[in-house]
Protein backbone atom coordinates (compact mmCIF):
# COMPACT_ATOMS: atom_id res chain seq x y z
CA MET A 1 108.00 -17.08 -20.54
CA ARG A 2 108.77 -20.65 -19.44
CA ARG A 3 105.35 -20.93 -17.80
CA LEU A 4 103.64 -19.77 -20.83
CA ARG A 5 105.48 -22.48 -22.81
CA VAL A 6 104.50 -25.22 -20.21
CA LEU A 7 100.82 -24.12 -20.51
CA ALA A 8 100.90 -24.18 -24.32
CA LEU A 9 102.41 -27.63 -24.17
CA LEU A 10 99.60 -28.96 -21.71
CA VAL A 11 96.98 -27.44 -24.16
CA LEU A 12 98.54 -29.27 -26.96
CA LEU A 13 98.73 -32.44 -24.93
CA THR A 14 95.05 -32.22 -23.71
CA PRO A 15 92.77 -34.14 -25.85
CA ALA A 16 90.30 -31.89 -27.87
CA SER A 17 87.36 -33.77 -26.52
CA ALA A 18 88.31 -32.95 -23.13
CA LEU A 19 89.04 -29.16 -23.92
CA ALA A 20 85.44 -29.28 -25.64
CA SER A 21 83.82 -30.76 -22.40
CA ASP A 22 85.58 -28.02 -20.51
CA ALA A 23 84.02 -25.39 -22.60
CA GLU A 24 80.65 -27.12 -22.34
CA LEU A 25 80.89 -27.00 -18.69
CA LEU A 26 81.81 -23.41 -18.63
CA GLU A 27 78.91 -22.57 -20.99
CA ALA A 28 76.59 -24.63 -18.62
CA ARG A 29 77.85 -22.46 -15.71
CA ASP A 30 77.36 -19.20 -17.52
CA ARG A 31 73.91 -20.00 -18.79
CA TYR A 32 72.12 -21.93 -15.91
CA LEU A 33 73.98 -20.91 -12.78
CA PRO A 34 72.37 -17.39 -12.32
CA ALA A 35 68.97 -18.91 -12.36
CA ALA A 36 70.03 -21.61 -10.16
CA SER A 37 71.56 -19.15 -7.75
CA ALA A 38 68.53 -16.73 -7.57
CA SER A 39 65.76 -16.38 -4.75
CA TYR A 40 62.39 -17.48 -5.44
CA ALA A 41 59.13 -16.74 -3.58
CA ARG A 42 57.50 -19.59 -1.42
CA THR A 43 54.57 -19.96 -3.90
CA PRO A 44 53.51 -22.71 -6.45
CA ASP A 45 55.17 -20.58 -9.18
CA GLY A 46 58.17 -19.79 -7.18
CA ALA A 47 58.76 -23.47 -6.39
CA GLN A 48 58.23 -24.61 -10.00
CA ALA A 49 60.70 -21.78 -11.27
CA ARG A 50 63.35 -22.87 -8.52
CA TYR A 51 62.87 -26.41 -9.63
CA ASP A 52 63.33 -25.97 -13.22
CA ALA A 53 66.27 -23.67 -12.64
CA GLY A 54 68.03 -26.48 -10.49
CA ARG A 55 67.07 -29.34 -12.88
CA ASN A 56 68.39 -27.32 -15.95
CA LEU A 57 71.64 -26.70 -14.26
CA VAL A 58 72.22 -30.41 -13.42
CA GLU A 59 71.38 -31.63 -16.82
CA ALA A 60 73.64 -29.16 -18.56
CA VAL A 61 76.34 -30.28 -16.38
CA HIS A 62 75.59 -33.87 -17.07
CA ASP A 63 75.60 -32.97 -20.86
CA ALA A 64 79.07 -31.64 -20.57
CA ARG A 65 80.59 -35.13 -20.13
CA ALA A 66 83.98 -35.61 -18.58
CA VAL A 67 86.09 -32.54 -17.80
CA THR A 68 89.84 -32.20 -17.26
CA ARG A 69 90.87 -32.53 -13.65
CA LYS A 70 91.05 -28.67 -13.08
CA LEU A 71 87.31 -28.19 -13.57
CA ARG A 72 86.34 -31.18 -11.77
CA PRO A 73 85.73 -29.20 -8.47
CA LEU A 74 83.49 -26.65 -10.48
CA ARG A 75 81.45 -29.56 -11.79
CA GLU A 76 80.79 -30.86 -8.25
CA ARG A 77 79.92 -27.39 -7.12
CA LEU A 78 77.53 -26.85 -9.87
CA LEU A 79 75.72 -30.09 -9.33
CA ARG A 80 75.39 -29.50 -5.65
CA GLN A 81 73.89 -26.05 -6.28
CA GLY A 82 71.34 -27.47 -8.71
CA ARG A 83 70.40 -30.32 -6.68
CA ARG A 84 70.16 -27.87 -3.51
CA GLN A 85 67.65 -25.79 -5.53
CA VAL A 86 65.63 -28.87 -6.58
CA ALA A 87 65.44 -30.23 -3.01
CA ARG A 88 64.24 -26.77 -1.65
CA ALA A 89 61.55 -26.71 -4.25
CA GLU A 90 60.37 -30.35 -3.64
CA ALA A 91 60.22 -29.66 0.12
CA LEU A 92 57.11 -27.80 -0.75
CA ASP A 93 55.56 -30.31 -3.05
CA ARG A 94 56.29 -33.72 -1.33
CA PRO A 95 53.76 -35.60 0.74
CA ASP A 96 54.71 -36.17 4.32
CA GLY A 97 57.18 -38.96 4.86
CA SER A 98 58.40 -39.26 1.20
CA LYS A 99 62.14 -38.69 0.56
CA GLY A 100 64.28 -38.88 -2.64
CA THR A 101 63.52 -41.31 -5.39
CA GLY A 102 63.94 -44.18 -3.10
CA ARG A 103 64.58 -47.86 -4.38
CA PHE A 104 64.29 -48.65 -7.99
CA ALA A 105 62.18 -51.76 -7.91
CA PRO A 106 62.87 -54.85 -10.19
CA LEU A 107 60.23 -56.10 -12.59
CA VAL A 108 58.26 -58.92 -11.37
CA PRO A 109 58.28 -62.08 -13.36
CA ALA A 110 55.15 -62.58 -15.37
CA ALA A 111 53.77 -63.47 -18.91
CA ALA A 112 52.84 -60.47 -21.00
CA GLY A 113 49.04 -61.39 -20.33
CA LYS A 114 45.94 -61.17 -22.27
CA GLY A 115 43.92 -58.04 -22.95
CA ALA A 116 40.24 -57.45 -21.69
CA ARG A 117 38.38 -60.05 -23.89
CA LEU A 118 36.12 -62.01 -21.41
CA SER A 119 33.25 -60.23 -19.76
CA ASP A 120 32.33 -61.38 -16.25
CA PRO A 121 28.75 -60.46 -15.58
CA THR A 122 28.67 -62.18 -12.06
CA LEU A 123 31.60 -60.13 -10.93
CA ASP A 124 29.86 -56.98 -12.55
CA ARG A 125 26.95 -57.56 -10.27
CA LYS A 126 29.10 -57.94 -7.14
CA LEU A 127 31.06 -54.94 -7.92
CA SER A 128 28.05 -52.99 -8.58
CA THR A 129 26.80 -53.97 -5.13
CA LEU A 130 30.00 -52.67 -3.52
CA ALA A 131 29.88 -49.42 -5.40
CA THR A 132 26.20 -48.81 -4.55
CA GLY A 133 27.11 -49.09 -0.78
CA PHE A 134 29.75 -46.43 -1.02
CA ASP A 135 28.74 -42.89 0.24
CA GLY A 136 29.61 -41.08 -2.91
CA TRP A 137 30.26 -42.12 -6.45
CA ALA A 138 32.53 -45.19 -7.22
CA GLY A 139 34.04 -46.35 -10.34
CA ILE A 140 35.71 -49.85 -10.32
CA TRP A 141 37.63 -51.83 -13.12
CA VAL A 142 39.14 -55.23 -12.79
CA HIS A 143 41.12 -57.09 -15.42
CA ASP A 144 42.82 -60.39 -14.81
CA LEU A 145 45.86 -60.34 -16.96
CA ARG A 146 46.33 -64.12 -16.85
CA THR A 147 42.79 -65.03 -18.29
CA GLY A 148 41.53 -61.81 -19.89
CA ARG A 149 38.50 -61.65 -17.75
CA PHE A 150 37.28 -58.17 -16.89
CA ALA A 151 34.44 -56.58 -14.94
CA GLY A 152 33.57 -52.99 -13.88
CA VAL A 153 31.04 -50.43 -12.67
CA ASN A 154 30.92 -46.85 -13.78
CA GLU A 155 34.16 -47.75 -15.57
CA ALA A 156 33.39 -45.32 -18.49
CA LEU A 157 32.22 -42.41 -16.07
CA ARG A 158 34.50 -39.55 -16.07
CA PHE A 159 36.15 -38.83 -12.64
CA PRO A 160 38.56 -36.05 -11.52
CA ALA A 161 41.90 -37.57 -12.37
CA ALA A 162 44.08 -35.76 -9.93
CA SER A 163 47.54 -37.06 -10.47
CA THR A 164 46.74 -40.31 -12.40
CA VAL A 165 47.03 -38.66 -15.71
CA LYS A 166 50.74 -37.85 -14.96
CA LEU A 167 50.88 -41.42 -16.71
CA GLY A 168 50.78 -39.34 -20.00
CA ALA A 169 53.87 -37.33 -18.93
CA LEU A 170 55.63 -40.48 -17.92
CA ALA A 171 54.94 -42.17 -21.14
CA ALA A 172 56.35 -38.95 -23.19
CA ALA A 173 59.36 -38.81 -21.08
CA LEU A 174 60.14 -42.50 -21.66
CA ARG A 175 60.15 -41.83 -25.39
CA THR A 176 62.85 -39.24 -25.42
CA SER A 177 65.65 -41.60 -24.76
CA ALA A 178 66.42 -45.18 -26.10
CA VAL A 179 67.97 -45.62 -22.67
CA PRO A 180 65.45 -43.81 -20.21
CA GLN A 181 67.85 -44.03 -17.31
CA ARG A 182 70.36 -41.80 -19.26
CA GLY A 183 67.79 -39.23 -20.59
CA ARG A 184 67.40 -35.75 -19.28
CA TYR A 185 63.91 -36.50 -17.97
CA TRP A 186 64.94 -39.60 -16.01
CA TYR A 187 65.04 -37.86 -12.79
CA ASP A 188 61.58 -36.32 -13.39
CA ALA A 189 59.95 -39.49 -14.35
CA ARG A 190 61.38 -41.15 -11.26
CA GLN A 191 59.76 -38.49 -9.04
CA ILE A 192 56.38 -38.90 -10.80
CA GLY A 193 56.56 -42.67 -9.78
CA ALA A 194 58.15 -42.17 -6.32
CA TRP A 195 55.68 -39.45 -4.82
CA SER A 196 53.79 -38.13 -7.73
CA SER A 197 55.75 -34.90 -8.03
CA ASN A 198 53.82 -31.98 -9.51
CA LEU A 199 57.08 -30.14 -10.18
CA ALA A 200 58.43 -33.05 -12.34
CA ALA A 201 55.23 -33.46 -14.38
CA ASN A 202 55.12 -29.85 -15.16
CA ARG A 203 58.76 -29.74 -16.09
CA ILE A 204 58.04 -32.68 -18.60
CA LEU A 205 55.01 -30.72 -19.95
CA ALA A 206 56.97 -27.48 -20.35
CA GLY A 207 59.95 -29.22 -21.94
CA LEU A 208 58.34 -31.68 -24.47
CA GLY A 209 54.93 -29.81 -24.98
CA SER A 210 51.20 -30.66 -24.55
CA ALA A 211 51.14 -32.48 -27.73
CA ALA A 212 53.80 -34.98 -26.53
CA VAL A 213 51.80 -35.48 -23.17
CA HIS A 214 48.55 -35.90 -24.98
CA ASP A 215 50.05 -38.34 -27.47
CA GLY A 216 51.51 -40.35 -24.32
CA LEU A 217 47.73 -40.67 -23.00
CA ARG A 218 46.82 -41.69 -26.35
CA ARG A 219 49.26 -44.44 -26.86
CA LEU A 220 48.28 -45.71 -23.37
CA GLY A 221 44.92 -46.13 -24.58
CA MET A 222 43.59 -43.24 -22.24
CA THR A 223 41.20 -41.93 -24.77
CA ALA A 224 38.51 -40.48 -22.54
CA SER A 225 41.31 -38.71 -20.24
CA THR A 226 42.47 -35.13 -20.26
CA TYR A 227 45.56 -33.23 -19.47
CA PRO A 228 44.47 -29.53 -19.65
CA GLY A 229 47.85 -27.96 -18.38
CA PRO A 230 50.18 -27.74 -15.52
CA TYR A 231 49.13 -28.95 -12.10
CA ARG A 232 47.34 -26.29 -9.83
CA ALA A 233 45.03 -26.30 -6.98
CA THR A 234 41.39 -26.98 -8.15
CA THR A 235 37.93 -26.50 -6.51
CA ALA A 236 35.18 -29.00 -7.15
CA LEU A 237 31.47 -28.56 -6.24
CA GLY A 238 28.26 -30.52 -7.00
CA ALA A 239 27.71 -34.09 -8.25
CA PRO A 240 28.02 -36.38 -10.18
CA PRO A 241 31.66 -36.44 -11.20
CA PRO A 242 33.65 -34.86 -12.51
CA GLY A 243 32.14 -31.77 -11.05
CA TYR A 244 33.86 -28.48 -12.17
CA HIS A 245 37.11 -30.49 -12.87
CA THR A 246 38.54 -30.38 -16.33
CA ARG A 247 41.32 -32.95 -15.65
CA VAL A 248 39.60 -36.07 -15.74
CA THR A 249 39.90 -39.98 -16.53
CA THR A 250 37.96 -43.11 -16.34
CA ALA A 251 38.67 -46.56 -14.68
CA ARG A 252 38.71 -48.23 -17.86
CA ASP A 253 41.31 -45.66 -19.39
CA LEU A 254 43.67 -46.39 -16.23
CA GLY A 255 43.25 -50.03 -16.52
CA ARG A 256 44.02 -50.07 -20.13
CA ALA A 257 47.06 -47.87 -19.64
CA LEU A 258 48.41 -50.20 -16.96
CA TYR A 259 47.77 -53.43 -19.01
CA ARG A 260 49.73 -51.78 -21.94
CA LEU A 261 52.73 -50.99 -19.83
CA HIS A 262 52.81 -54.30 -18.24
CA ALA A 263 52.37 -56.15 -21.65
CA GLY A 264 54.88 -53.96 -23.47
CA ALA A 265 57.49 -54.60 -20.58
CA HIS A 266 56.89 -58.21 -20.91
CA GLY A 267 57.35 -58.28 -24.71
CA ASP A 268 54.12 -57.87 -26.31
CA ARG A 269 55.24 -56.65 -29.87
CA ARG A 270 51.67 -55.29 -30.77
CA VAL A 271 51.32 -53.56 -27.66
CA LEU A 272 54.96 -51.85 -27.92
CA ARG A 273 53.82 -50.61 -31.36
CA LEU A 274 50.89 -48.97 -29.88
CA LEU A 275 52.93 -47.43 -27.09
CA GLY A 276 55.61 -46.29 -29.54
CA LEU A 277 58.09 -47.59 -26.90
CA SER A 278 60.82 -50.25 -26.90
CA ARG A 279 60.77 -53.12 -24.57
CA ARG A 280 63.43 -51.60 -22.40
CA GLN A 281 61.48 -48.12 -22.33
CA ALA A 282 58.33 -49.97 -21.19
CA GLN A 283 60.20 -51.88 -18.66
CA ASP A 284 61.67 -48.70 -17.07
CA GLY A 285 58.22 -47.18 -17.01
CA LEU A 286 56.75 -50.18 -15.27
CA ARG A 287 59.56 -50.33 -12.73
CA ILE A 288 58.95 -46.61 -12.05
CA LEU A 289 55.36 -47.60 -11.01
CA LEU A 290 56.47 -50.34 -8.98
CA SER A 291 58.88 -48.02 -6.98
CA GLY A 292 56.31 -45.77 -5.40
CA GLN A 293 56.95 -44.77 -1.85
CA ARG A 294 54.53 -46.46 0.38
CA VAL A 295 53.96 -43.27 2.61
CA SER A 296 51.15 -40.87 3.16
CA GLU A 297 48.65 -40.45 0.46
CA ASN A 298 50.87 -42.44 -1.84
CA ARG A 299 49.80 -45.54 -0.03
CA GLY A 300 46.63 -45.30 -2.16
CA LEU A 301 43.36 -47.26 -1.52
CA LEU A 302 44.87 -50.60 -2.16
CA ARG A 303 48.43 -50.86 -0.52
CA PRO A 304 47.27 -50.76 2.97
CA TRP A 305 45.67 -54.28 2.53
CA LEU A 306 48.31 -56.00 0.52
CA GLY A 307 51.24 -56.46 2.74
CA ALA A 308 54.49 -57.28 0.86
CA THR A 309 52.69 -58.12 -2.30
CA PRO A 310 54.52 -56.06 -5.48
CA VAL A 311 52.20 -53.30 -6.68
CA ALA A 312 52.71 -51.17 -9.68
CA GLU A 313 50.45 -48.22 -9.15
CA LYS A 314 49.52 -44.54 -9.67
CA ASN A 315 47.26 -42.72 -7.21
CA GLY A 316 45.30 -39.56 -7.19
CA TRP A 317 44.52 -37.73 -3.95
CA ILE A 318 42.44 -34.41 -3.91
CA SER A 319 39.73 -33.41 -1.43
CA ASP A 320 36.78 -34.66 -3.32
CA THR A 321 38.49 -37.65 -5.23
CA LEU A 322 40.69 -40.39 -4.12
CA LEU A 323 41.55 -43.01 -6.58
CA THR A 324 44.16 -45.88 -7.18
CA ALA A 325 45.16 -47.62 -10.41
CA ALA A 326 47.23 -50.64 -9.82
CA ILE A 327 48.58 -53.83 -10.95
CA VAL A 328 48.53 -56.37 -8.07
CA TYR A 329 51.26 -59.14 -8.52
CA GLY A 330 49.62 -61.66 -6.43
CA SER A 331 50.35 -65.30 -6.38
CA ARG A 332 47.88 -66.20 -9.08
CA GLY A 333 49.27 -63.81 -11.50
CA PRO A 334 48.87 -60.07 -12.26
CA VAL A 335 45.50 -58.42 -11.90
CA VAL A 336 44.68 -54.71 -12.99
CA VAL A 337 42.54 -53.22 -10.11
CA VAL A 338 41.22 -49.56 -10.35
CA VAL A 339 39.17 -47.90 -7.64
CA GLU A 340 37.92 -44.39 -8.01
CA THR A 341 35.81 -42.57 -5.35
CA TYR A 342 34.21 -39.08 -5.56
CA ARG A 343 32.22 -37.07 -3.05
CA ALA A 344 31.43 -33.36 -3.90
CA ALA A 345 31.33 -32.45 -0.13
CA GLY A 346 34.60 -34.19 0.32
CA VAL A 347 35.56 -37.80 0.21
CA ARG A 348 36.54 -39.90 3.12
CA GLU A 349 39.63 -41.50 3.14
CA ALA A 350 38.86 -44.24 5.53
CA ALA A 351 35.61 -45.25 3.57
CA SER A 352 37.59 -45.07 0.32
CA ARG A 353 40.17 -47.30 1.62
CA ARG A 354 37.49 -49.74 2.99
CA LEU A 355 36.05 -50.02 -0.58
CA GLY A 356 39.62 -50.93 -1.96
CA ARG A 357 39.74 -53.53 0.84
CA ASP A 358 36.44 -54.83 -0.13
CA VAL A 359 37.24 -55.01 -3.92
CA LEU A 360 40.44 -57.02 -3.19
CA SER A 361 38.65 -59.33 -0.82
CA LEU A 362 36.14 -60.08 -3.51
CA LEU A 363 38.88 -60.79 -5.96
CA GLY A 364 40.68 -63.09 -3.44
CA LEU A 365 43.79 -60.80 -3.43
CA ARG A 366 44.01 -60.36 0.47
C-alpha cells in the first residue's frame, strides 16, 4: 500500500509535459518499432522499406522530446535500432568509400553575385571546340557570378539527369522547417549531398509528394527538368541524348539552380522569393552541396582537378551519362560550371573527366 502511495506521489510530482513525452515515446515504440525490427529482402524495394522503417522510428523518437529518466534507456534502444536499420539499407546504396554524412562545410564568403546577363560569344566558340572533340555528346554551361558573363554549348539540350534532379527533392525538404537542421528530413537532405542517396531522395518524394518535388525544381529554375518518380535502374540506348531516359535535365537548368541557391544563401531577396526559402534555408542547402564526400563517383568531373578549392556540387553517374554541376569558389570569385557527357554505348569516365579538366583550364580555374 505504501509503495502505491509513493508511486502516486511521484506521478503527481512529475510535470505533465514529461508524462506526455513518455506517452509519445511509447506510442512511437508501438507504432514504428515492429517495422524497424522486421526482416527485409536484399533488393532495391527491400532496402527502401528497411531505410524508411528505420528513419520513421528515429524521427518519431525525436518528436517525443525529453522523457523521464525511467524511459531514457528505452529511448536510446529505439534510436539504436532505427539507426541500425538505416545503416544496413545504406550499405546497399552507397558508393564505395563513402561513410556517414561527413563534415558539414561552412559557407564560402562571397557576394550574392549577378545573374546570367552578359553573353560571351568568344567563350561560346571555345567551349564548342571542346565539346566537338568529345567522343559522344557534351553539354556545357559557364556562369561567372562576379561579372554575370555566361557561355555554353548544347546548354538547352536535354541530357539524362541521373542524380542531379535530386536538387528538387533537396529544395522541397529545406522548405519543411524554418530551421532545416531540426526538421524531419534533415538527415535525408544531408545524405543527398554527402553521397547522393537514392534512399533519402525516395523518402522525401514519398513523404512530401511529387508536387512538392516538382515545385522545388521549378523554384530552382529547372523548367526543362523532370522527376518522373522514385530512383530505379534505367537502360538507355541510341543517340542523341536523352535516349530512352525520362528523367532529364539541361546544363542551363542546373546552372540556374546553383546560381539561385548561392544568391539566396548570400542574401539576394528577389532570388529568395523565387526559391520560396528563407536565407537560412538557402544557406543550409548550399552548405549541403559544399559537403559532398570526395570519393568514388562523387568526385565528379571537376573535383579531381581542383585540389582544395571549395566546390558546391551535384553529380550524376550512370552508364551512358556522367555530369557535374558545380560552383567553383576560386580566388577570383565563384563560377558556376556544368559539364554533361553522354554516349549511348557507354560513356568513358576518363574522357569525361578530361573534358572537365579542359573546361576548367579554359576558364583559368586550375
